[in-house]
Every structure is written in structure tokens, then in C-alpha cells.
Amino acid sequence: MIKRLGLALIILFLATGMLQADVDRSKVKKGVEAFAAEKWDNALQQFQDALLDDPENPVLHYNLGTVLYKKKRYEDALKEFEKALNTQDPTLQQKSYYNMGNVQYQMNKYQEAIQSYKKALELDPNDLDAKHNLELVRAKLKEMAQKQPLQNQKQNQKQQPQQGQSEQKNQQGQEQQQRQQQQQQATQQQQREKQKQQGKNQQKKEQQQSQPQQVKKRKKPLSKEEAERILQALKSKEKANQKLRRVRQRPGKPKVEKDW
């Protein structure tokens, strides 16, 4: 577990050499008291008011950073600790680097946290908390490196079914699209054939209307028996006609009954 912030430096706020004469010391004192009582909002307000009197004071920026850290405003806290580095006091610099490492750890910026702890140890090699936190972050990175392949494997396994489902959906969509295209092509082909047939029928109809009516085809030739029957019937009819003509040609005589 990360060690707590270096709070011993807060006592330095009351040292005469660390504050300019125009800084209202009562604000700093009230801020320290509120911080000790864990009244973070009250402490924040007091330190911000003190900074209005001396905006470049690194001690006040350090103090403000500690309050912001407690309020979990890590981005703002990091900026204040960076401003606190603008000092010739190595103790203040060392504490600022240490607390920067704590903030970066909370922000999951482990590589940056390692660098901050190293700089803190360069200024104070006997800082046991900085050593502890440095080893802790290194172990964290090692653990993450060991878990990374397993996480990647799980992620790949999770993605594979999703990719398979996606590919299946894409394939189904392509097949459906192909079926629709085939159906559309078949419908268009049927329409073309229908139009073509209608054109042929119309052309045939026009040709029939423009040509004269043709003579009907002859019937099938008569058989020999049918021909003989017809010929015989004609001969009989001719004989009957001749007989009738002879009768008609006789002179008409009055019929006289015999006188007995």
C-alpha cells in the first residue's frame, strides 16, 4: 500500500523564513488547523486566500497540493506540487517529488511515479517511505506485465466469438443479397421473354392482316373405292338425266280412248 503524504512539511508554513512578510499568517495557521481536523474544504479556502498575497510561494503551493490530494483532485494536486519545485530548499523539493509520485500512482501513471520516487530518493536516500513506494510500484508493473498475456488471451477469446458471429452475419447478409439479386434477375428475364413473345405475336398478327387470305388447302385425296362410288353415282345421275330428256322430247298426242 502507498504510504501517506509527507505531512511534516506543513509545520514549515509557520516558520518565519518560509513566508514573506506580506502573507497573512493567520490564514496559513487556520489552514493548517483545518487540515489537521480533516476539514478539507476549509483548509483549501484558507490556503487559496494566502496564495492571493504571495502567488509564487512554493510552500503555499505545496500545502495546496496536499489538500487537493485529499480531495482526490489529482490533476490539480499534481500541478501544485510541480509549482512547489520552484524553490532552492532541497527538503521542499524532496517532499514535492515524493507527493508527486503518490499522485501519479493514484492516476495509474506508474512509470512517472517511479521517476518521481527516484528523484525524491536522490535528494534524501534515507526516505524509507519513498523506497517502499518505489518497490511497490515496480512490483505493480511486474504483476501487470505477467497478467498482460493472459488478459490478451482472454480478450482474443472474447473477440473470436464476436468476430465469428460478425462473419456469420456478414455471410448471411451476402447470401441474402445474392438471393435477392438472383430473384431480381429472374424476374427481369421473365419480363424480357414476355415482352419478346408479345412482340412476336404482334408482328405475326400484323403480317396476317397485311397478306391476302390464302386459298384453303386441298383435302386429302380420295381413295379408289370412294372415287368409284362417286363415278358410279355420277353415271347413274347422267342416265337418269338422259332418260328424262328423252321423255320430254316426245310429241305430245292427245290420248284417244278406243271406241268399242
C-alpha atoms as a PDB file:
ATOM      1  CA  MET A   1       0.000   0.000   0.000  1.00  0.00           C
ATOM      2  CA  ILE A   2       1.226   3.509  -0.862  1.00  0.00           C
ATOM      3  CA  LYS A   3       2.472   5.400   2.173  1.00  0.00           C
ATOM      4  CA  ARG A   4       0.649   8.578   3.121  1.00  0.00           C
ATOM      5  CA  LEU A   5       1.642  12.088   2.063  1.00  0.00           C
ATOM      6  CA  GLY A   6       4.573  13.727   3.791  1.00  0.00           C
ATOM      7  CA  LEU A   7       2.684  15.984   6.182  1.00  0.00           C
ATOM      8  CA  ALA A   8       5.635  17.029   8.326  1.00  0.00           C
ATOM      9  CA  LEU A   9       6.313  19.892   5.938  1.00  0.00           C
ATOM     10  CA  ILE A  10       3.079  21.606   6.950  1.00  0.00           C
ATOM     11  CA  ILE A  11       4.820  22.725  10.155  1.00  0.00           C
ATOM     12  CA  LEU A  12       7.219  24.718   7.990  1.00  0.00           C
ATOM     13  CA  PHE A  13       4.400  27.011   6.989  1.00  0.00           C
ATOM     14  CA  LEU A  14       4.714  28.668  10.362  1.00  0.00           C
ATOM     15  CA  ALA A  15       8.471  29.190  10.088  1.00  0.00           C
ATOM     16  CA  THR A  16       9.263  32.861   9.546  1.00  0.00           C
ATOM     17  CA  GLY A  17      11.860  32.156   6.893  1.00  0.00           C
ATOM     18  CA  MET A  18       9.431  30.353   4.611  1.00  0.00           C
ATOM     19  CA  LEU A  19       6.795  33.094   4.262  1.00  0.00           C
ATOM     20  CA  GLN A  20       7.037  36.632   3.058  1.00  0.00           C
ATOM     21  CA  ALA A  21       6.105  39.498   5.328  1.00  0.00           C
ATOM     22  CA  ASP A  22       3.013  40.411   3.342  1.00  0.00           C
ATOM     23  CA  VAL A  23       1.440  36.940   3.732  1.00  0.00           C
ATOM     24  CA  ASP A  24      -1.362  36.791   6.276  1.00  0.00           C
ATOM     25  CA  ARG A  25      -0.005  34.187   8.677  1.00  0.00           C
ATOM     26  CA  SER A  26      -3.380  33.758  10.313  1.00  0.00           C
ATOM     27  CA  LYS A  27      -4.727  32.276   7.067  1.00  0.00           C
ATOM     28  CA  VAL A  28      -1.878  29.785   6.964  1.00  0.00           C
ATOM     29  CA  LYS A  29      -2.387  28.867  10.600  1.00  0.00           C
ATOM     30  CA  LYS A  30      -6.129  28.390  10.110  1.00  0.00           C
ATOM     31  CA  GLY A  31      -5.443  26.283   7.047  1.00  0.00           C
ATOM     32  CA  VAL A  32      -3.054  24.046   8.976  1.00  0.00           C
ATOM     33  CA  GLU A  33      -5.565  23.640  11.784  1.00  0.00           C
ATOM     34  CA  ALA A  34      -8.373  22.804   9.328  1.00  0.00           C
ATOM     35  CA  PHE A  35      -6.108  20.297   7.585  1.00  0.00           C
ATOM     36  CA  ALA A  36      -5.294  18.597  10.899  1.00  0.00           C
ATOM     37  CA  ALA A  37      -9.042  18.385  11.597  1.00  0.00           C
ATOM     38  CA  GLU A  38      -9.568  16.892   8.114  1.00  0.00           C
ATOM     39  CA  LYS A  39     -11.774  19.831   7.135  1.00  0.00           C
ATOM     40  CA  TRP A  40     -10.508  19.797   3.575  1.00  0.00           C
ATOM     41  CA  ASP A  41     -12.774  22.470   2.113  1.00  0.00           C
ATOM     42  CA  ASN A  42     -11.955  24.933   4.912  1.00  0.00           C
ATOM     43  CA  ALA A  43      -8.243  24.238   4.582  1.00  0.00           C
ATOM     44  CA  LEU A  44      -8.419  24.671   0.813  1.00  0.00           C
ATOM     45  CA  GLN A  45     -10.096  28.049   1.154  1.00  0.00           C
ATOM     46  CA  GLN A  46      -7.520  29.308   3.691  1.00  0.00           C
ATOM     47  CA  PHE A  47      -4.532  28.305   1.583  1.00  0.00           C
ATOM     48  CA  GLN A  48      -6.041  29.763  -1.590  1.00  0.00           C
ATOM     49  CA  ASP A  49      -6.609  33.047   0.245  1.00  0.00           C
ATOM     50  CA  ALA A  50      -2.982  33.012   1.427  1.00  0.00           C
ATOM     51  CA  LEU A  51      -1.796  32.490  -2.158  1.00  0.00           C
ATOM     52  CA  LEU A  52      -3.507  35.706  -3.175  1.00  0.00           C
ATOM     53  CA  ASP A  53      -0.952  37.519  -1.019  1.00  0.00           C
ATOM     54  CA  ASP A  54       2.010  35.572  -2.447  1.00  0.00           C
ATOM     55  CA  PRO A  55       1.061  33.693  -5.687  1.00  0.00           C
ATOM     56  CA  GLU A  56       4.593  32.359  -6.319  1.00  0.00           C
ATOM     57  CA  ASN A  57       5.230  30.979  -2.843  1.00  0.00           C
ATOM     58  CA  PRO A  58       6.293  27.301  -3.281  1.00  0.00           C
ATOM     59  CA  VAL A  59       5.402  26.411   0.301  1.00  0.00           C
ATOM     60  CA  LEU A  60       1.815  27.554  -0.173  1.00  0.00           C
ATOM     61  CA  HIS A  61       1.589  25.601  -3.479  1.00  0.00           C
ATOM     62  CA  TYR A  62       2.864  22.517  -1.672  1.00  0.00           C
ATOM     63  CA  ASN A  63       0.275  22.958   1.044  1.00  0.00           C
ATOM     64  CA  LEU A  64      -2.493  23.478  -1.500  1.00  0.00           C
ATOM     65  CA  GLY A  65      -1.395  20.306  -3.307  1.00  0.00           C
ATOM     66  CA  THR A  66      -1.760  18.241  -0.127  1.00  0.00           C
ATOM     67  CA  VAL A  67      -5.362  19.429   0.331  1.00  0.00           C
ATOM     68  CA  LEU A  68      -6.245  18.759  -3.310  1.00  0.00           C
ATOM     69  CA  TYR A  69      -4.780  15.274  -2.974  1.00  0.00           C
ATOM     70  CA  LYS A  70      -7.039  14.599  -0.002  1.00  0.00           C
ATOM     71  CA  LYS A  71      -9.998  15.763  -2.085  1.00  0.00           C
ATOM     72  CA  LYS A  72      -8.887  13.337  -4.831  1.00  0.00           C
ATOM     73  CA  ARG A  73      -8.398  16.149  -7.310  1.00  0.00           C
ATOM     74  CA  TYR A  74      -5.231  14.514  -8.580  1.00  0.00           C
ATOM     75  CA  GLU A  75      -4.679  16.588 -11.716  1.00  0.00           C
ATOM     76  CA  ASP A  76      -4.870  19.832  -9.754  1.00  0.00           C
ATOM     77  CA  ALA A  77      -2.734  18.446  -6.948  1.00  0.00           C
ATOM     78  CA  LEU A  78      -0.002  17.420  -9.400  1.00  0.00           C
ATOM     79  CA  LYS A  79       0.135  20.936 -10.828  1.00  0.00           C
ATOM     80  CA  GLU A  80       0.564  22.435  -7.338  1.00  0.00           C
ATOM     81  CA  PHE A  81       3.395  20.052  -6.423  1.00  0.00           C
ATOM     82  CA  GLU A  82       5.158  20.900  -9.685  1.00  0.00           C
ATOM     83  CA  LYS A  83       4.935  24.591  -8.781  1.00  0.00           C
ATOM     84  CA  ALA A  84       6.335  23.780  -5.337  1.00  0.00           C
ATOM     85  CA  LEU A  85       9.536  22.522  -7.009  1.00  0.00           C
ATOM     86  CA  ASN A  86      10.389  26.126  -7.857  1.00  0.00           C
ATOM     87  CA  THR A  87      12.421  26.551  -4.697  1.00  0.00           C
ATOM     88  CA  GLN A  88      16.033  26.394  -3.522  1.00  0.00           C
ATOM     89  CA  ASP A  89      15.035  24.382  -0.453  1.00  0.00           C
ATOM     90  CA  PRO A  90      16.030  20.702  -1.075  1.00  0.00           C
ATOM     91  CA  THR A  91      13.682  19.491   1.660  1.00  0.00           C
ATOM     92  CA  LEU A  92      10.693  21.087  -0.024  1.00  0.00           C
ATOM     93  CA  GLN A  93      11.799  19.709  -3.385  1.00  0.00           C
ATOM     94  CA  GLN A  94      12.211  16.206  -1.945  1.00  0.00           C
ATOM     95  CA  LYS A  95       8.752  16.234  -0.358  1.00  0.00           C
ATOM     96  CA  SER A  96       7.216  17.608  -3.557  1.00  0.00           C
ATOM     97  CA  TYR A  97       8.723  14.800  -5.658  1.00  0.00           C
ATOM     98  CA  TYR A  98       7.561  12.237  -3.137  1.00  0.00           C
ATOM     99  CA  ASN A  99       3.996  13.502  -3.183  1.00  0.00           C
ATOM    100  CA  MET A 100       4.076  13.787  -6.978  1.00  0.00           C
ATOM    101  CA  GLY A 101       4.856  10.049  -7.038  1.00  0.00           C
ATOM    102  CA  ASN A 102       1.838   9.363  -4.832  1.00  0.00           C
ATOM    103  CA  VAL A 103      -0.432  11.424  -7.091  1.00  0.00           C
ATOM    104  CA  GLN A 104       0.867   9.726 -10.255  1.00  0.00           C
ATOM    105  CA  TYR A 105       0.317   6.330  -8.683  1.00  0.00           C
ATOM    106  CA  GLN A 106      -3.317   7.223  -8.000  1.00  0.00           C
ATOM    107  CA  MET A 107      -3.628   8.306 -11.643  1.00  0.00           C
ATOM    108  CA  ASN A 108      -2.200   4.913 -12.791  1.00  0.00           C
ATOM    109  CA  LYS A 109       0.834   6.686 -14.226  1.00  0.00           C
ATOM    110  CA  TYR A 110       3.240   4.110 -12.848  1.00  0.00           C
ATOM    111  CA  GLN A 111       6.306   4.956 -14.923  1.00  0.00           C
ATOM    112  CA  GLU A 112       6.029   8.636 -13.985  1.00  0.00           C
ATOM    113  CA  ALA A 113       5.567   7.671 -10.330  1.00  0.00           C
ATOM    114  CA  ILE A 114       8.785   5.627 -10.414  1.00  0.00           C
ATOM    115  CA  GLN A 115      10.716   8.618 -11.756  1.00  0.00           C
ATOM    116  CA  SER A 116       9.298  10.897  -9.053  1.00  0.00           C
ATOM    117  CA  TYR A 117      10.242   8.477  -6.258  1.00  0.00           C
ATOM    118  CA  LYS A 118      13.751   8.150  -7.684  1.00  0.00           C
ATOM    119  CA  LYS A 119      14.219  11.922  -7.644  1.00  0.00           C
ATOM    120  CA  ALA A 120      12.914  12.036  -4.083  1.00  0.00           C
ATOM    121  CA  LEU A 121      15.475   9.401  -3.067  1.00  0.00           C
ATOM    122  CA  GLU A 122      18.253  11.297  -4.814  1.00  0.00           C
ATOM    123  CA  LEU A 123      17.513  14.233  -2.540  1.00  0.00           C
ATOM    124  CA  ASP A 124      17.013  12.046   0.532  1.00  0.00           C
ATOM    125  CA  PRO A 125      18.352   8.459   0.230  1.00  0.00           C
ATOM    126  CA  ASN A 126      17.105   7.693   3.744  1.00  0.00           C
ATOM    127  CA  ASP A 127      13.445   8.304   2.923  1.00  0.00           C
ATOM    128  CA  LEU A 128      12.023   4.877   3.771  1.00  0.00           C
ATOM    129  CA  ASP A 129       8.551   5.750   2.557  1.00  0.00           C
ATOM    130  CA  ALA A 130       9.913   6.684  -0.869  1.00  0.00           C
ATOM    131  CA  LYS A 131      11.841   3.387  -1.015  1.00  0.00           C
ATOM    132  CA  HIS A 132       8.748   1.438  -0.015  1.00  0.00           C
ATOM    133  CA  ASN A 133       6.554   3.130  -2.590  1.00  0.00           C
ATOM    134  CA  LEU A 134       9.160   2.742  -5.337  1.00  0.00           C
ATOM    135  CA  GLU A 135       9.380  -1.018  -4.796  1.00  0.00           C
ATOM    136  CA  LEU A 136       5.603  -1.231  -4.593  1.00  0.00           C
ATOM    137  CA  VAL A 137       5.128   0.468  -7.972  1.00  0.00           C
ATOM    138  CA  ARG A 138       7.819  -1.701  -9.556  1.00  0.00           C
ATOM    139  CA  ALA A 139       6.086  -4.825  -8.263  1.00  0.00           C
ATOM    140  CA  LYS A 140       2.805  -3.473  -9.638  1.00  0.00           C
ATOM    141  CA  LEU A 141       4.298  -3.054 -13.090  1.00  0.00           C
ATOM    142  CA  LYS A 142       5.826  -6.545 -12.960  1.00  0.00           C
ATOM    143  CA  GLU A 143       2.485  -8.038 -11.984  1.00  0.00           C
ATOM    144  CA  MET A 144       0.759  -6.210 -14.801  1.00  0.00           C
ATOM    145  CA  ALA A 145       3.357  -7.434 -17.286  1.00  0.00           C
ATOM    146  CA  GLN A 146       2.767 -11.029 -16.182  1.00  0.00           C
ATOM    147  CA  LYS A 147      -1.010 -10.681 -16.404  1.00  0.00           C
ATOM    148  CA  GLN A 148      -0.934  -8.933 -19.757  1.00  0.00           C
ATOM    149  CA  PRO A 149      -0.520 -12.080 -21.920  1.00  0.00           C
ATOM    150  CA  LEU A 150      -3.371 -13.779 -20.051  1.00  0.00           C
ATOM    151  CA  GLN A 151      -5.545 -10.711 -20.459  1.00  0.00           C
ATOM    152  CA  ASN A 152      -4.690 -10.554 -24.137  1.00  0.00           C
ATOM    153  CA  GLN A 153      -5.559 -14.230 -24.496  1.00  0.00           C
ATOM    154  CA  LYS A 154      -8.908 -13.737 -22.764  1.00  0.00           C
ATOM    155  CA  GLN A 155      -9.575 -10.675 -24.863  1.00  0.00           C
ATOM    156  CA  ASN A 156      -8.774 -12.589 -28.029  1.00  0.00           C
ATOM    157  CA  GLN A 157     -11.001 -15.460 -26.939  1.00  0.00           C
ATOM    158  CA  LYS A 158     -13.767 -12.977 -26.247  1.00  0.00           C
ATOM    159  CA  GLN A 159     -13.294 -11.298 -29.592  1.00  0.00           C
ATOM    160  CA  GLN A 160     -13.172 -14.546 -31.581  1.00  0.00           C
ATOM    161  CA  PRO A 161     -16.838 -15.496 -30.957  1.00  0.00           C
ATOM    162  CA  GLN A 162     -17.811 -11.926 -31.681  1.00  0.00           C
ATOM    163  CA  GLN A 163     -15.794 -11.977 -34.872  1.00  0.00           C
ATOM    164  CA  GLY A 164     -17.298 -15.369 -35.733  1.00  0.00           C
ATOM    165  CA  GLN A 165     -20.791 -14.030 -35.174  1.00  0.00           C
ATOM    166  CA  SER A 166     -19.950 -10.939 -37.172  1.00  0.00           C
ATOM    167  CA  GLU A 167     -18.562 -13.024 -40.035  1.00  0.00           C
ATOM    168  CA  GLN A 168     -21.626 -15.271 -39.922  1.00  0.00           C
ATOM    169  CA  LYS A 169     -23.918 -12.262 -40.044  1.00  0.00           C
ATOM    170  CA  ASN A 170     -21.918 -10.838 -42.929  1.00  0.00           C
ATOM    171  CA  GLN A 171     -22.097 -14.146 -44.778  1.00  0.00           C
ATOM    172  CA  GLN A 172     -25.833 -14.410 -44.189  1.00  0.00           C
ATOM    173  CA  GLY A 173     -26.254 -10.859 -45.386  1.00  0.00           C
ATOM    174  CA  GLN A 174     -24.242 -11.592 -48.528  1.00  0.00           C
ATOM    175  CA  GLU A 175     -26.225 -14.751 -49.215  1.00  0.00           C
ATOM    176  CA  GLN A 176     -29.491 -12.898 -48.779  1.00  0.00           C
ATOM    177  CA  GLN A 177     -28.268 -10.169 -51.076  1.00  0.00           C
ATOM    178  CA  GLN A 178     -27.252 -12.745 -53.676  1.00  0.00           C
ATOM    179  CA  ARG A 179     -30.675 -14.393 -53.462  1.00  0.00           C
ATOM    180  CA  GLN A 180     -32.353 -11.050 -53.924  1.00  0.00           C
ATOM    181  CA  GLN A 181     -30.160 -10.283 -56.915  1.00  0.00           C
ATOM    182  CA  GLN A 182     -30.865 -13.698 -58.460  1.00  0.00           C
ATOM    183  CA  GLN A 183     -34.589 -13.267 -57.899  1.00  0.00           C
ATOM    184  CA  GLN A 184     -34.461  -9.813 -59.420  1.00  0.00           C
ATOM    185  CA  GLN A 185     -32.521 -11.101 -62.422  1.00  0.00           C
ATOM    186  CA  ALA A 186     -35.013 -13.961 -62.908  1.00  0.00           C
ATOM    187  CA  THR A 187     -37.913 -11.505 -62.749  1.00  0.00           C
ATOM    188  CA  GLN A 188     -36.230  -9.243 -65.288  1.00  0.00           C
ATOM    189  CA  GLN A 189     -35.533 -12.228 -67.567  1.00  0.00           C
ATOM    190  CA  GLN A 190     -39.184 -13.294 -67.396  1.00  0.00           C
ATOM    191  CA  GLN A 191     -40.286  -9.780 -68.243  1.00  0.00           C
ATOM    192  CA  ARG A 192     -37.907  -9.650 -71.220  1.00  0.00           C
ATOM    193  CA  GLU A 193     -39.134 -13.005 -72.506  1.00  0.00           C
ATOM    194  CA  LYS A 194     -42.733 -11.920 -72.065  1.00  0.00           C
ATOM    195  CA  GLN A 195     -42.106  -8.697 -73.931  1.00  0.00           C
ATOM    196  CA  LYS A 196     -40.280 -10.611 -76.658  1.00  0.00           C
ATOM    197  CA  GLN A 197     -43.169 -13.061 -77.037  1.00  0.00           C
ATOM    198  CA  GLN A 198     -45.663 -10.216 -77.128  1.00  0.00           C
ATOM    199  CA  GLY A 199     -43.612  -8.594 -79.862  1.00  0.00           C
ATOM    200  CA  LYS A 200     -43.599 -11.790 -81.895  1.00  0.00           C
ATOM    201  CA  ASN A 201     -47.357 -12.187 -81.509  1.00  0.00           C
ATOM    202  CA  GLN A 202     -47.923  -8.595 -82.557  1.00  0.00           C
ATOM    203  CA  GLN A 203     -45.643  -8.995 -85.559  1.00  0.00           C
ATOM    204  CA  LYS A 204     -47.415 -12.201 -86.621  1.00  0.00           C
ATOM    205  CA  LYS A 205     -50.778 -10.522 -86.276  1.00  0.00           C
ATOM    206  CA  GLU A 206     -49.677  -7.605 -88.420  1.00  0.00           C
ATOM    207  CA  GLN A 207     -48.330  -9.947 -91.098  1.00  0.00           C
ATOM    208  CA  GLN A 208     -51.591 -11.856 -91.188  1.00  0.00           C
ATOM    209  CA  GLN A 209     -53.544  -8.645 -91.565  1.00  0.00           C
ATOM    210  CA  SER A 210     -51.327  -7.365 -94.402  1.00  0.00           C
ATOM    211  CA  GLN A 211     -51.392 -10.614 -96.505  1.00  0.00           C
ATOM    212  CA  PRO A 212     -54.427 -11.659 -98.679  1.00  0.00           C
ATOM    213  CA  GLN A 213     -56.445 -14.551 -97.488  1.00  0.00           C
ATOM    214  CA  GLN A 214     -54.865 -17.678 -98.825  1.00  0.00           C
ATOM    215  CA  VAL A 215     -56.772 -20.440-100.602  1.00  0.00           C
ATOM    216  CA  LYS A 216     -57.611 -23.263 -98.349  1.00  0.00           C
ATOM    217  CA  LYS A 217     -55.521 -26.301 -98.759  1.00  0.00           C
ATOM    218  CA  ARG A 218     -56.886 -29.254-100.640  1.00  0.00           C
ATOM    219  CA  LYS A 219     -58.327 -32.030 -98.771  1.00  0.00           C
ATOM    220  CA  LYS A 220     -56.822 -35.353 -98.588  1.00  0.00           C
ATOM    221  CA  PRO A 221     -57.012 -37.349-101.974  1.00  0.00           C
ATOM    222  CA  LEU A 222     -59.991 -39.753-102.356  1.00  0.00           C
ATOM    223  CA  SER A 223     -59.440 -43.400-102.069  1.00  0.00           C
ATOM    224  CA  LYS A 224     -60.095 -45.685-105.042  1.00  0.00           C
ATOM    225  CA  GLU A 225     -63.319 -47.004-103.582  1.00  0.00           C
ATOM    226  CA  GLU A 226     -64.615 -43.506-102.872  1.00  0.00           C
ATOM    227  CA  ALA A 227     -63.764 -42.444-106.431  1.00  0.00           C
ATOM    228  CA  GLU A 228     -65.584 -45.412-107.944  1.00  0.00           C
ATOM    229  CA  ARG A 229     -68.661 -44.719-105.812  1.00  0.00           C
ATOM    230  CA  ILE A 230     -68.699 -41.121-106.831  1.00  0.00           C
ATOM    231  CA  LEU A 231     -68.180 -42.059-110.509  1.00  0.00           C
ATOM    232  CA  GLN A 232     -70.956 -44.623-110.367  1.00  0.00           C
ATOM    233  CA  ALA A 233     -73.242 -42.110-108.757  1.00  0.00           C
ATOM    234  CA  LEU A 234     -72.454 -39.598-111.497  1.00  0.00           C
ATOM    235  CA  LYS A 235     -73.160 -42.180-114.222  1.00  0.00           C
ATOM    236  CA  SER A 236     -76.439 -43.107-112.633  1.00  0.00           C
ATOM    237  CA  LYS A 237     -77.363 -39.477-112.394  1.00  0.00           C
ATOM    238  CA  GLU A 238     -76.392 -38.924-116.029  1.00  0.00           C
ATOM    239  CA  LYS A 239     -78.543 -41.867-117.208  1.00  0.00           C
ATOM    240  CA  ALA A 240     -81.440 -40.527-115.250  1.00  0.00           C
ATOM    241  CA  ASN A 241     -80.995 -37.119-116.795  1.00  0.00           C
ATOM    242  CA  GLN A 242     -80.816 -38.614-120.334  1.00  0.00           C
ATOM    243  CA  LYS A 243     -83.990 -40.618-119.818  1.00  0.00           C
ATOM    244  CA  LEU A 244     -85.747 -37.582-118.582  1.00  0.00           C
ATOM    245  CA  ARG A 245     -84.708 -35.619-121.613  1.00  0.00           C
ATOM    246  CA  ARG A 246     -85.992 -38.330-123.990  1.00  0.00           C
ATOM    247  CA  VAL A 247     -89.312 -38.333-122.345  1.00  0.00           C
ATOM    248  CA  ARG A 248     -89.621 -34.626-122.636  1.00  0.00           C
ATOM    249  CA  GLN A 249     -88.728 -34.714-126.354  1.00  0.00           C
ATOM    250  CA  ARG A 250     -91.694 -36.942-127.349  1.00  0.00           C
ATOM    251  CA  PRO A 251     -94.504 -35.157-129.333  1.00  0.00           C
ATOM    252  CA  GLY A 252     -97.500 -34.686-127.331  1.00  0.00           C
ATOM    253  CA  LYS A 253    -100.529 -36.585-128.633  1.00  0.00           C
ATOM    254  CA  PRO A 254    -103.988 -36.472-127.267  1.00  0.00           C
ATOM    255  CA  LYS A 255    -104.974 -39.660-125.700  1.00  0.00           C
ATOM    256  CA  VAL A 256    -107.967 -41.163-127.522  1.00  0.00           C
ATOM    257  CA  GLU A 257    -109.868 -43.814-125.913  1.00  0.00           C
ATOM    258  CA  LYS A 258    -110.799 -46.670-128.164  1.00  0.00           C
ATOM    259  CA  ASP A 259    -114.389 -46.860-129.401  1.00  0.00           C
ATOM    260  CA  TRP A 260    -115.548 -50.284-128.981  1.00  0.00           C
END
